[in-house]
Amino acid sequence: MQSNWDSPLNHQSSRAAKWCLSVLSRVLTLRIACLGLCFTLAGCDRTPWFAVPQQRPSFGDFPSHAARVVEMDDPGADQRIVRDILPLTDTTWRWTGQRPALKIRVRADENLKYLIDFTLPKVTFKDTGPVSIAFSVNDRLLDRVRYTEPGFKHFEKAVPRDWLAIDAYAIVGAEIDKLWTDPDGGRKYGFIISRMGLEQ
């Protein structure tokens, strides 16, 4: 008598099982190969999932300013003040003391001129009368001007090259000979300044 294990049915079942295992193995191998190929292709020339940081432009080819004129309401004006310029209020100008001065970084020393816009108010001028203002660069007298009328004033004059050093700060200043005393608080004022600096 044949055992169940030796029956033709068992032999057929065994062959079928082996065939199924073989097919499954091939399918699995094929799927793994396809998956590996997909990962390989995906790794080639794919867009990164994160945003590429914006590259900072190079300004090497752009000429930098030789110097600058500081507006009194500029955000960085306070860092330029050396002396005798009062804090900004809600205006575009400031009061000065007797010897206002700013520091200006010099990038080039060719064709630079001192420039200042200021006002001698009527309220102060009626008490002081005519005033003289000396304009200087690095404590060297550039010019002295006498003003016999109040109002807006503009002064500019070329600065000798040998007065300046490249990549260093120049001290640009002015000095008024007579101060006005505020009758209410006793504080002394020079003039109203709008802007001052060096310009090419």
N, C-alpha and C. Protein backbone atom coordinates (compact mmCIF):
# COMPACT_ATOMS: atom_id res chain seq x y z
N MET A 1 0.87 -1.18 0.00
CA MET A 1 0.00 0.00 0.00
C MET A 1 0.89 1.22 0.00
N GLN A 2 0.59 2.18 -0.92
CA GLN A 2 1.39 3.40 -1.00
C GLN A 2 0.98 4.36 0.10
N SER A 3 1.96 5.02 0.63
CA SER A 3 1.63 6.05 1.61
C SER A 3 1.15 7.30 0.89
N ASN A 4 0.50 8.15 1.65
CA ASN A 4 -0.02 9.40 1.07
C ASN A 4 1.10 10.24 0.48
N TRP A 5 2.29 10.06 1.05
CA TRP A 5 3.41 10.90 0.58
C TRP A 5 3.89 10.45 -0.79
N ASP A 6 3.68 9.24 -1.16
CA ASP A 6 4.17 8.73 -2.43
C ASP A 6 3.11 8.74 -3.51
N SER A 7 1.93 9.29 -3.22
CA SER A 7 0.86 9.27 -4.22
C SER A 7 1.17 10.24 -5.35
N PRO A 8 0.70 9.94 -6.58
CA PRO A 8 0.92 10.86 -7.71
C PRO A 8 0.39 12.25 -7.42
N LEU A 9 -0.68 12.33 -6.64
CA LEU A 9 -1.25 13.65 -6.32
C LEU A 9 -0.27 14.48 -5.51
N ASN A 10 0.40 13.77 -4.57
CA ASN A 10 1.38 14.48 -3.76
C ASN A 10 2.55 14.95 -4.59
N HIS A 11 2.96 14.12 -5.58
CA HIS A 11 4.06 14.51 -6.46
C HIS A 11 3.66 15.74 -7.29
N GLN A 12 2.41 15.73 -7.76
CA GLN A 12 1.93 16.88 -8.56
C GLN A 12 1.86 18.14 -7.68
N SER A 13 1.40 17.99 -6.46
CA SER A 13 1.30 19.14 -5.54
C SER A 13 2.68 19.70 -5.23
N SER A 14 3.64 18.80 -5.08
CA SER A 14 5.01 19.23 -4.78
C SER A 14 5.61 19.99 -5.95
N ARG A 15 5.36 19.47 -7.19
CA ARG A 15 5.88 20.16 -8.38
C ARG A 15 5.22 21.53 -8.53
N ALA A 16 3.92 21.59 -8.25
CA ALA A 16 3.20 22.86 -8.36
C ALA A 16 3.72 23.87 -7.33
N ALA A 17 3.99 23.39 -6.14
CA ALA A 17 4.50 24.28 -5.09
C ALA A 17 5.87 24.83 -5.47
N LYS A 18 6.72 23.92 -6.02
CA LYS A 18 8.05 24.37 -6.43
C LYS A 18 7.97 25.39 -7.55
N TRP A 19 7.02 25.13 -8.47
CA TRP A 19 6.85 26.04 -9.60
C TRP A 19 6.38 27.41 -9.11
N CYS A 20 5.43 27.38 -8.16
CA CYS A 20 4.92 28.65 -7.58
C CYS A 20 6.03 29.42 -6.87
N LEU A 21 6.85 28.67 -6.11
CA LEU A 21 7.94 29.33 -5.40
C LEU A 21 8.94 29.94 -6.38
N SER A 22 9.17 29.22 -7.47
CA SER A 22 10.11 29.71 -8.49
C SER A 22 9.59 30.99 -9.14
N VAL A 23 8.28 30.97 -9.47
CA VAL A 23 7.66 32.15 -10.09
C VAL A 23 7.69 33.33 -9.13
N LEU A 24 7.32 33.07 -7.88
CA LEU A 24 7.32 34.14 -6.87
C LEU A 24 8.71 34.72 -6.67
N SER A 25 9.71 33.85 -6.68
CA SER A 25 11.09 34.31 -6.52
C SER A 25 11.51 35.21 -7.67
N ARG A 26 11.12 34.80 -8.89
CA ARG A 26 11.46 35.62 -10.07
C ARG A 26 10.75 36.97 -10.04
N VAL A 27 9.46 36.94 -9.66
CA VAL A 27 8.69 38.20 -9.58
C VAL A 27 9.29 39.13 -8.54
N LEU A 28 9.65 38.54 -7.40
CA LEU A 28 10.24 39.34 -6.32
C LEU A 28 11.58 39.94 -6.76
N THR A 29 12.38 39.11 -7.43
CA THR A 29 13.67 39.59 -7.93
C THR A 29 13.48 40.71 -8.94
N LEU A 30 12.48 40.54 -9.82
CA LEU A 30 12.19 41.55 -10.83
C LEU A 30 11.74 42.87 -10.19
N ARG A 31 10.88 42.73 -9.17
CA ARG A 31 10.40 43.94 -8.48
C ARG A 31 11.54 44.68 -7.79
N ILE A 32 12.43 43.93 -7.15
CA ILE A 32 13.58 44.56 -6.48
C ILE A 32 14.47 45.26 -7.48
N ALA A 33 14.67 44.58 -8.64
CA ALA A 33 15.50 45.20 -9.69
C ALA A 33 14.86 46.48 -10.21
N CYS A 34 13.54 46.45 -10.42
CA CYS A 34 12.82 47.65 -10.90
C CYS A 34 12.90 48.78 -9.88
N LEU A 35 12.74 48.39 -8.61
CA LEU A 35 12.81 49.39 -7.55
C LEU A 35 14.19 50.04 -7.50
N GLY A 36 15.22 49.21 -7.60
CA GLY A 36 16.59 49.72 -7.60
C GLY A 36 16.83 50.64 -8.79
N LEU A 37 16.29 50.28 -9.95
CA LEU A 37 16.44 51.10 -11.15
C LEU A 37 15.74 52.45 -10.97
N CYS A 38 14.55 52.42 -10.36
CA CYS A 38 13.81 53.67 -10.11
C CYS A 38 14.61 54.60 -9.20
N PHE A 39 15.19 54.04 -8.13
CA PHE A 39 15.99 54.86 -7.22
C PHE A 39 17.21 55.43 -7.91
N THR A 40 17.82 54.60 -8.77
CA THR A 40 19.01 55.05 -9.50
C THR A 40 18.67 56.21 -10.44
N LEU A 41 17.55 56.02 -11.18
CA LEU A 41 17.12 57.09 -12.11
C LEU A 41 16.70 58.34 -11.36
N ALA A 42 16.05 58.14 -10.23
CA ALA A 42 15.60 59.29 -9.45
C ALA A 42 16.78 60.08 -8.90
N GLY A 43 17.88 59.39 -8.62
CA GLY A 43 19.06 60.06 -8.09
C GLY A 43 19.82 60.84 -9.13
N CYS A 44 19.58 60.56 -10.39
CA CYS A 44 20.29 61.26 -11.46
C CYS A 44 19.54 62.52 -11.86
N ASP A 45 20.19 63.65 -11.71
CA ASP A 45 19.65 64.91 -12.20
C ASP A 45 18.27 65.21 -11.65
N ARG A 46 18.08 65.03 -10.37
CA ARG A 46 16.79 65.34 -9.78
C ARG A 46 16.83 66.69 -9.08
N THR A 47 15.72 67.36 -9.04
CA THR A 47 15.62 68.65 -8.37
C THR A 47 15.63 68.43 -6.87
N PRO A 48 16.46 69.17 -6.11
CA PRO A 48 16.48 68.96 -4.66
C PRO A 48 15.14 69.34 -4.03
N TRP A 49 14.80 68.66 -2.97
CA TRP A 49 13.51 68.92 -2.34
C TRP A 49 13.51 70.22 -1.56
N PHE A 50 14.70 70.76 -1.24
CA PHE A 50 14.75 72.01 -0.50
C PHE A 50 15.06 73.15 -1.46
N ALA A 51 14.68 74.34 -1.06
CA ALA A 51 14.92 75.51 -1.90
C ALA A 51 16.41 75.85 -1.90
N VAL A 52 16.94 76.11 -3.07
CA VAL A 52 18.35 76.49 -3.19
C VAL A 52 18.49 77.93 -2.69
N PRO A 53 19.40 78.19 -1.75
CA PRO A 53 19.56 79.56 -1.25
C PRO A 53 19.91 80.51 -2.39
N GLN A 54 19.32 81.69 -2.34
CA GLN A 54 19.60 82.69 -3.36
C GLN A 54 21.06 83.12 -3.26
N GLN A 55 21.72 83.13 -4.40
CA GLN A 55 23.13 83.51 -4.41
C GLN A 55 23.26 85.03 -4.29
N ARG A 56 24.20 85.47 -3.46
CA ARG A 56 24.44 86.91 -3.31
C ARG A 56 25.19 87.42 -4.52
N PRO A 57 24.70 88.51 -5.13
CA PRO A 57 25.40 89.03 -6.30
C PRO A 57 26.76 89.60 -5.93
N SER A 58 27.68 89.52 -6.85
CA SER A 58 29.01 90.09 -6.64
C SER A 58 29.02 91.54 -7.11
N PHE A 59 29.49 92.41 -6.26
CA PHE A 59 29.54 93.83 -6.62
C PHE A 59 30.95 94.26 -6.96
N GLY A 60 31.79 93.29 -7.27
CA GLY A 60 33.18 93.60 -7.57
C GLY A 60 33.35 94.49 -8.79
N ASP A 61 32.42 94.38 -9.74
CA ASP A 61 32.54 95.16 -10.97
C ASP A 61 31.87 96.53 -10.87
N PHE A 62 31.18 96.79 -9.76
CA PHE A 62 30.50 98.06 -9.60
C PHE A 62 31.37 99.04 -8.84
N PRO A 63 31.49 100.29 -9.31
CA PRO A 63 32.31 101.26 -8.59
C PRO A 63 31.65 101.67 -7.28
N SER A 64 32.42 101.72 -6.20
CA SER A 64 31.87 102.17 -4.92
C SER A 64 31.97 103.69 -4.85
N HIS A 65 31.10 104.28 -4.01
CA HIS A 65 31.12 105.72 -3.86
C HIS A 65 32.44 106.16 -3.23
N ALA A 66 32.98 107.25 -3.75
CA ALA A 66 34.25 107.75 -3.21
C ALA A 66 34.09 108.18 -1.76
N ALA A 67 32.95 108.79 -1.45
CA ALA A 67 32.64 109.22 -0.09
C ALA A 67 31.12 109.39 -0.04
N ARG A 68 30.62 110.13 0.93
CA ARG A 68 29.18 110.33 0.97
C ARG A 68 28.81 111.62 1.68
N VAL A 69 27.62 112.09 1.32
CA VAL A 69 27.03 113.24 2.00
C VAL A 69 25.95 112.68 2.92
N VAL A 70 26.00 113.04 4.19
CA VAL A 70 25.06 112.51 5.17
C VAL A 70 23.87 113.44 5.32
N GLU A 71 22.69 112.90 5.04
CA GLU A 71 21.44 113.62 5.30
C GLU A 71 21.14 113.48 6.79
N MET A 72 20.67 114.53 7.40
CA MET A 72 20.48 114.49 8.85
C MET A 72 19.39 113.54 9.30
N ASP A 73 18.49 113.14 8.37
CA ASP A 73 17.47 112.17 8.75
C ASP A 73 17.80 110.77 8.25
N ASP A 74 19.03 110.55 7.78
CA ASP A 74 19.47 109.20 7.40
C ASP A 74 19.41 108.28 8.62
N PRO A 75 19.02 107.01 8.43
CA PRO A 75 18.97 106.08 9.57
C PRO A 75 20.31 105.91 10.28
N GLY A 76 21.42 106.00 9.55
CA GLY A 76 22.72 105.80 10.18
C GLY A 76 23.47 107.08 10.49
N ALA A 77 22.77 108.21 10.45
CA ALA A 77 23.44 109.50 10.66
C ALA A 77 24.07 109.62 12.05
N ASP A 78 23.41 109.07 13.06
CA ASP A 78 23.94 109.20 14.43
C ASP A 78 25.32 108.56 14.58
N GLN A 79 25.58 107.50 13.81
CA GLN A 79 26.88 106.82 13.90
C GLN A 79 27.99 107.64 13.24
N ARG A 80 27.61 108.64 12.44
CA ARG A 80 28.60 109.48 11.75
C ARG A 80 28.96 110.73 12.55
N ILE A 81 28.16 111.06 13.54
CA ILE A 81 28.36 112.30 14.28
C ILE A 81 29.59 112.20 15.17
N VAL A 82 30.45 113.21 15.06
CA VAL A 82 31.64 113.30 15.91
C VAL A 82 31.36 114.22 17.10
N ARG A 83 30.69 115.34 16.82
CA ARG A 83 30.42 116.29 17.90
C ARG A 83 29.39 117.34 17.46
N ASP A 84 28.76 117.97 18.43
CA ASP A 84 27.96 119.19 18.29
C ASP A 84 26.84 119.15 17.25
N ILE A 85 26.22 117.98 17.08
CA ILE A 85 24.99 117.89 16.27
C ILE A 85 23.94 117.25 17.16
N LEU A 86 22.85 117.96 17.38
CA LEU A 86 21.83 117.51 18.33
C LEU A 86 21.01 116.35 17.75
N PRO A 87 20.37 115.57 18.63
CA PRO A 87 19.55 114.44 18.15
C PRO A 87 18.41 114.90 17.25
N LEU A 88 18.02 114.00 16.34
CA LEU A 88 16.93 114.28 15.40
C LEU A 88 15.60 114.28 16.14
N THR A 89 14.74 115.22 15.76
CA THR A 89 13.38 115.23 16.34
C THR A 89 12.44 114.65 15.27
N ASP A 90 11.43 115.38 14.85
CA ASP A 90 10.53 114.88 13.81
C ASP A 90 10.70 115.68 12.52
N THR A 91 11.92 116.17 12.31
CA THR A 91 12.20 116.98 11.13
C THR A 91 13.31 116.31 10.31
N THR A 92 13.66 116.92 9.18
CA THR A 92 14.75 116.40 8.36
C THR A 92 16.05 117.14 8.61
N TRP A 93 16.05 118.02 9.61
CA TRP A 93 17.25 118.80 9.94
C TRP A 93 17.52 118.72 11.44
N ARG A 94 18.69 119.23 11.83
CA ARG A 94 19.06 119.22 13.25
C ARG A 94 19.73 120.54 13.61
N TRP A 95 19.62 120.89 14.87
CA TRP A 95 20.38 122.03 15.40
C TRP A 95 21.82 121.59 15.63
N THR A 96 22.72 122.56 15.52
CA THR A 96 24.12 122.27 15.85
C THR A 96 24.53 123.08 17.07
N GLY A 97 25.69 122.70 17.59
CA GLY A 97 26.36 123.53 18.58
C GLY A 97 27.33 124.43 17.82
N GLN A 98 28.44 124.76 18.44
CA GLN A 98 29.38 125.68 17.79
C GLN A 98 30.26 124.99 16.75
N ARG A 99 30.62 123.71 16.97
CA ARG A 99 31.58 123.04 16.08
C ARG A 99 31.06 121.67 15.61
N PRO A 100 30.01 121.65 14.80
CA PRO A 100 29.49 120.36 14.34
C PRO A 100 30.51 119.64 13.44
N ALA A 101 30.53 118.31 13.54
CA ALA A 101 31.46 117.53 12.70
C ALA A 101 30.91 116.12 12.50
N LEU A 102 31.24 115.58 11.33
CA LEU A 102 30.88 114.21 10.96
C LEU A 102 32.13 113.47 10.52
N LYS A 103 32.09 112.14 10.63
CA LYS A 103 33.18 111.34 10.06
C LYS A 103 32.67 110.67 8.79
N ILE A 104 33.46 110.80 7.73
CA ILE A 104 33.10 110.26 6.42
C ILE A 104 34.22 109.33 5.96
N ARG A 105 33.86 108.12 5.60
CA ARG A 105 34.88 107.18 5.10
C ARG A 105 35.21 107.51 3.66
N VAL A 106 36.50 107.63 3.37
CA VAL A 106 36.98 108.01 2.04
C VAL A 106 37.40 106.76 1.28
N ARG A 107 36.80 106.55 0.11
CA ARG A 107 37.14 105.40 -0.74
C ARG A 107 38.10 105.79 -1.86
N ALA A 108 38.07 107.05 -2.24
CA ALA A 108 38.97 107.56 -3.28
C ALA A 108 39.20 109.03 -2.98
N ASP A 109 40.38 109.55 -3.32
CA ASP A 109 40.70 110.94 -2.94
C ASP A 109 40.72 111.90 -4.13
N GLU A 110 40.28 111.46 -5.28
CA GLU A 110 40.29 112.34 -6.45
C GLU A 110 38.98 113.10 -6.58
N ASN A 111 39.12 114.40 -6.84
CA ASN A 111 37.97 115.27 -7.15
C ASN A 111 36.89 115.28 -6.07
N LEU A 112 37.30 115.18 -4.81
CA LEU A 112 36.33 115.27 -3.73
C LEU A 112 36.12 116.72 -3.33
N LYS A 113 34.88 117.03 -3.00
CA LYS A 113 34.58 118.38 -2.53
C LYS A 113 33.77 118.31 -1.24
N TYR A 114 34.03 119.26 -0.40
CA TYR A 114 33.28 119.44 0.85
C TYR A 114 31.93 120.03 0.46
N LEU A 115 30.86 119.55 1.10
CA LEU A 115 29.51 120.06 0.80
C LEU A 115 28.71 120.15 2.08
N ILE A 116 27.98 121.26 2.22
CA ILE A 116 27.09 121.42 3.37
C ILE A 116 25.89 122.28 2.97
N ASP A 117 24.70 121.87 3.43
CA ASP A 117 23.48 122.67 3.31
C ASP A 117 23.02 123.00 4.73
N PHE A 118 22.79 124.28 4.99
CA PHE A 118 22.40 124.69 6.34
C PHE A 118 21.55 125.96 6.27
N THR A 119 21.00 126.33 7.41
CA THR A 119 20.13 127.51 7.50
C THR A 119 20.51 128.36 8.70
N LEU A 120 20.55 129.66 8.48
CA LEU A 120 20.69 130.63 9.57
C LEU A 120 19.29 131.21 9.79
N PRO A 121 18.58 130.74 10.82
CA PRO A 121 17.19 131.17 11.02
C PRO A 121 17.10 132.66 11.39
N LYS A 122 16.01 133.26 11.00
CA LYS A 122 15.78 134.68 11.32
C LYS A 122 15.73 134.90 12.82
N VAL A 123 15.15 133.92 13.54
CA VAL A 123 15.00 134.08 14.98
C VAL A 123 16.35 134.18 15.69
N THR A 124 17.36 133.50 15.18
CA THR A 124 18.69 133.58 15.79
C THR A 124 19.49 134.75 15.22
N PHE A 125 19.29 135.02 13.94
CA PHE A 125 20.08 136.04 13.26
C PHE A 125 19.79 137.45 13.77
N LYS A 126 18.55 137.66 14.18
CA LYS A 126 18.21 139.00 14.70
C LYS A 126 18.94 139.31 16.00
N ASP A 127 19.38 138.26 16.70
CA ASP A 127 20.15 138.45 17.93
C ASP A 127 21.66 138.43 17.70
N THR A 128 22.11 137.55 16.82
CA THR A 128 23.55 137.41 16.61
C THR A 128 24.10 138.40 15.59
N GLY A 129 23.25 138.79 14.63
CA GLY A 129 23.76 139.61 13.53
C GLY A 129 24.60 138.74 12.60
N PRO A 130 25.36 139.34 11.69
CA PRO A 130 26.20 138.59 10.76
C PRO A 130 27.15 137.64 11.49
N VAL A 131 27.33 136.46 10.88
CA VAL A 131 28.20 135.44 11.49
C VAL A 131 29.22 134.95 10.46
N SER A 132 30.32 134.43 10.97
CA SER A 132 31.33 133.79 10.11
C SER A 132 31.38 132.31 10.44
N ILE A 133 31.47 131.49 9.40
CA ILE A 133 31.57 130.04 9.59
C ILE A 133 32.83 129.54 8.89
N ALA A 134 33.63 128.81 9.63
CA ALA A 134 34.85 128.19 9.09
C ALA A 134 34.54 126.75 8.74
N PHE A 135 34.91 126.34 7.53
CA PHE A 135 34.68 124.97 7.07
C PHE A 135 36.02 124.23 7.02
N SER A 136 36.04 123.03 7.60
CA SER A 136 37.32 122.33 7.73
C SER A 136 37.21 120.85 7.37
N VAL A 137 38.36 120.27 7.02
CA VAL A 137 38.48 118.84 6.77
C VAL A 137 39.72 118.36 7.54
N ASN A 138 39.50 117.39 8.42
CA ASN A 138 40.59 116.88 9.27
C ASN A 138 41.31 118.01 10.01
N ASP A 139 40.49 118.94 10.54
CA ASP A 139 40.98 120.08 11.33
C ASP A 139 41.87 121.04 10.53
N ARG A 140 41.77 121.00 9.22
CA ARG A 140 42.50 121.95 8.38
C ARG A 140 41.48 122.89 7.75
N LEU A 141 41.73 124.18 7.85
CA LEU A 141 40.78 125.18 7.37
C LEU A 141 40.68 125.15 5.85
N LEU A 142 39.48 124.87 5.35
CA LEU A 142 39.23 124.86 3.92
C LEU A 142 38.81 126.24 3.43
N ASP A 143 37.96 126.89 4.22
CA ASP A 143 37.50 128.24 3.87
C ASP A 143 36.76 128.83 5.06
N ARG A 144 36.63 130.15 5.04
CA ARG A 144 35.85 130.86 6.05
C ARG A 144 34.96 131.85 5.31
N VAL A 145 33.66 131.80 5.63
CA VAL A 145 32.70 132.64 4.91
C VAL A 145 31.91 133.47 5.91
N ARG A 146 31.71 134.75 5.57
CA ARG A 146 30.90 135.65 6.41
C ARG A 146 29.51 135.76 5.80
N TYR A 147 28.49 135.56 6.63
CA TYR A 147 27.11 135.61 6.16
C TYR A 147 26.42 136.82 6.79
N THR A 148 25.89 137.66 5.93
CA THR A 148 25.28 138.91 6.40
C THR A 148 23.75 138.87 6.33
N GLU A 149 23.19 137.78 5.84
CA GLU A 149 21.74 137.63 5.73
C GLU A 149 21.34 136.25 6.25
N PRO A 150 20.15 136.16 6.87
CA PRO A 150 19.67 134.85 7.31
C PRO A 150 19.12 134.06 6.11
N GLY A 151 18.76 132.79 6.37
CA GLY A 151 18.15 131.96 5.34
C GLY A 151 18.96 130.72 5.01
N PHE A 152 18.52 130.04 3.96
CA PHE A 152 19.17 128.81 3.52
C PHE A 152 20.51 129.13 2.87
N LYS A 153 21.53 128.28 3.16
CA LYS A 153 22.87 128.47 2.61
C LYS A 153 23.41 127.14 2.07
N HIS A 154 24.20 127.25 1.02
CA HIS A 154 24.87 126.08 0.45
C HIS A 154 26.34 126.44 0.26
N PHE A 155 27.21 125.53 0.73
CA PHE A 155 28.64 125.76 0.54
C PHE A 155 29.27 124.48 0.01
N GLU A 156 30.14 124.63 -0.98
CA GLU A 156 30.93 123.49 -1.44
C GLU A 156 32.26 123.98 -1.98
N LYS A 157 33.27 123.15 -1.79
CA LYS A 157 34.61 123.52 -2.24
C LYS A 157 35.47 122.26 -2.36
N ALA A 158 36.32 122.24 -3.38
CA ALA A 158 37.21 121.10 -3.60
C ALA A 158 38.17 120.93 -2.43
N VAL A 159 38.43 119.66 -2.09
CA VAL A 159 39.35 119.33 -1.00
C VAL A 159 40.67 118.84 -1.59
N PRO A 160 41.79 119.42 -1.16
CA PRO A 160 43.09 118.93 -1.65
C PRO A 160 43.28 117.44 -1.37
N ARG A 161 43.83 116.72 -2.34
CA ARG A 161 44.00 115.27 -2.20
C ARG A 161 44.88 114.90 -1.01
N ASP A 162 45.90 115.71 -0.75
CA ASP A 162 46.84 115.34 0.32
C ASP A 162 46.26 115.57 1.72
N TRP A 163 45.02 116.06 1.80
CA TRP A 163 44.35 116.18 3.08
C TRP A 163 43.64 114.88 3.47
N LEU A 164 43.51 113.96 2.53
CA LEU A 164 42.70 112.76 2.72
C LEU A 164 43.54 111.50 2.64
N ALA A 165 43.07 110.46 3.29
CA ALA A 165 43.70 109.14 3.22
C ALA A 165 42.63 108.14 2.79
N ILE A 166 42.97 107.33 1.78
CA ILE A 166 42.01 106.36 1.27
C ILE A 166 41.77 105.26 2.30
N ASP A 167 40.50 104.81 2.38
CA ASP A 167 40.08 103.78 3.33
C ASP A 167 40.27 104.21 4.78
N ALA A 168 40.14 105.50 5.01
CA ALA A 168 40.20 106.05 6.37
C ALA A 168 39.07 107.07 6.51
N TYR A 169 38.78 107.44 7.75
CA TYR A 169 37.74 108.44 8.00
C TYR A 169 38.31 109.85 7.91
N ALA A 170 37.55 110.72 7.25
CA ALA A 170 37.88 112.14 7.24
C ALA A 170 36.88 112.84 8.16
N ILE A 171 37.36 113.79 8.95
CA ILE A 171 36.48 114.56 9.83
C ILE A 171 36.11 115.85 9.10
N VAL A 172 34.82 115.95 8.79
CA VAL A 172 34.30 117.11 8.06
C VAL A 172 33.56 117.99 9.06
N GLY A 173 34.00 119.23 9.19
CA GLY A 173 33.42 120.07 10.24
C GLY A 173 33.15 121.50 9.83
N ALA A 174 32.53 122.21 10.74
CA ALA A 174 32.24 123.65 10.58
C ALA A 174 32.30 124.29 11.96
N GLU A 175 32.57 125.59 11.98
CA GLU A 175 32.61 126.29 13.26
C GLU A 175 32.06 127.70 13.07
N ILE A 176 31.00 128.01 13.82
CA ILE A 176 30.38 129.33 13.76
C ILE A 176 30.98 130.21 14.86
N ASP A 177 31.18 131.49 14.55
CA ASP A 177 31.86 132.34 15.53
C ASP A 177 30.97 132.83 16.65
N LYS A 178 29.64 132.89 16.40
CA LYS A 178 28.73 133.38 17.45
C LYS A 178 27.56 132.42 17.63
N LEU A 179 27.27 132.10 18.87
CA LEU A 179 26.15 131.22 19.19
C LEU A 179 24.92 132.04 19.58
N TRP A 180 23.76 131.46 19.36
CA TRP A 180 22.50 132.08 19.79
C TRP A 180 22.04 131.40 21.07
N THR A 181 21.64 132.20 22.06
CA THR A 181 21.16 131.66 23.33
C THR A 181 19.65 131.70 23.37
N ASP A 182 19.04 130.54 23.57
CA ASP A 182 17.57 130.45 23.66
C ASP A 182 17.11 131.16 24.93
N PRO A 183 16.29 132.21 24.80
CA PRO A 183 15.87 132.95 26.00
C PRO A 183 15.00 132.14 26.95
N ASP A 184 14.36 131.09 26.45
CA ASP A 184 13.48 130.29 27.31
C ASP A 184 14.27 129.31 28.18
N GLY A 185 15.24 128.62 27.58
CA GLY A 185 15.95 127.61 28.36
C GLY A 185 17.42 127.91 28.59
N GLY A 186 17.94 128.92 27.90
CA GLY A 186 19.34 129.29 28.07
C GLY A 186 20.31 128.42 27.28
N ARG A 187 19.78 127.49 26.49
CA ARG A 187 20.67 126.63 25.70
C ARG A 187 21.24 127.39 24.51
N LYS A 188 22.47 127.07 24.14
CA LYS A 188 23.14 127.76 23.04
C LYS A 188 23.09 126.91 21.76
N TYR A 189 22.82 127.59 20.65
CA TYR A 189 22.70 126.92 19.36
C TYR A 189 23.57 127.63 18.32
N GLY A 190 23.98 126.84 17.32
CA GLY A 190 24.76 127.39 16.23
C GLY A 190 23.89 127.72 15.03
N PHE A 191 23.59 126.69 14.23
CA PHE A 191 22.74 126.87 13.05
C PHE A 191 21.98 125.57 12.81
N ILE A 192 21.12 125.57 11.80
CA ILE A 192 20.36 124.37 11.44
C ILE A 192 21.06 123.70 10.26
N ILE A 193 21.35 122.40 10.42
CA ILE A 193 22.07 121.67 9.38
C ILE A 193 21.13 120.63 8.73
N SER A 194 21.18 120.56 7.41
CA SER A 194 20.37 119.58 6.66
C SER A 194 21.20 118.41 6.17
N ARG A 195 22.40 118.72 5.66
CA ARG A 195 23.29 117.65 5.20
C ARG A 195 24.71 118.17 5.11
N MET A 196 25.67 117.22 5.22
CA MET A 196 27.07 117.59 5.18
C MET A 196 27.89 116.35 4.83
N GLY A 197 28.99 116.56 4.11
CA GLY A 197 29.86 115.44 3.79
C GLY A 197 30.82 115.75 2.67
N LEU A 198 31.27 114.69 2.02
CA LEU A 198 32.19 114.80 0.89
C LEU A 198 31.52 114.19 -0.33
N GLU A 199 31.69 114.84 -1.46
CA GLU A 199 31.04 114.38 -2.69
C GLU A 199 32.02 114.44 -3.84
N GLN A 200 31.91 113.48 -4.74
CA GLN A 200 32.81 113.46 -5.89
C GLN A 200 32.16 114.11 -7.11
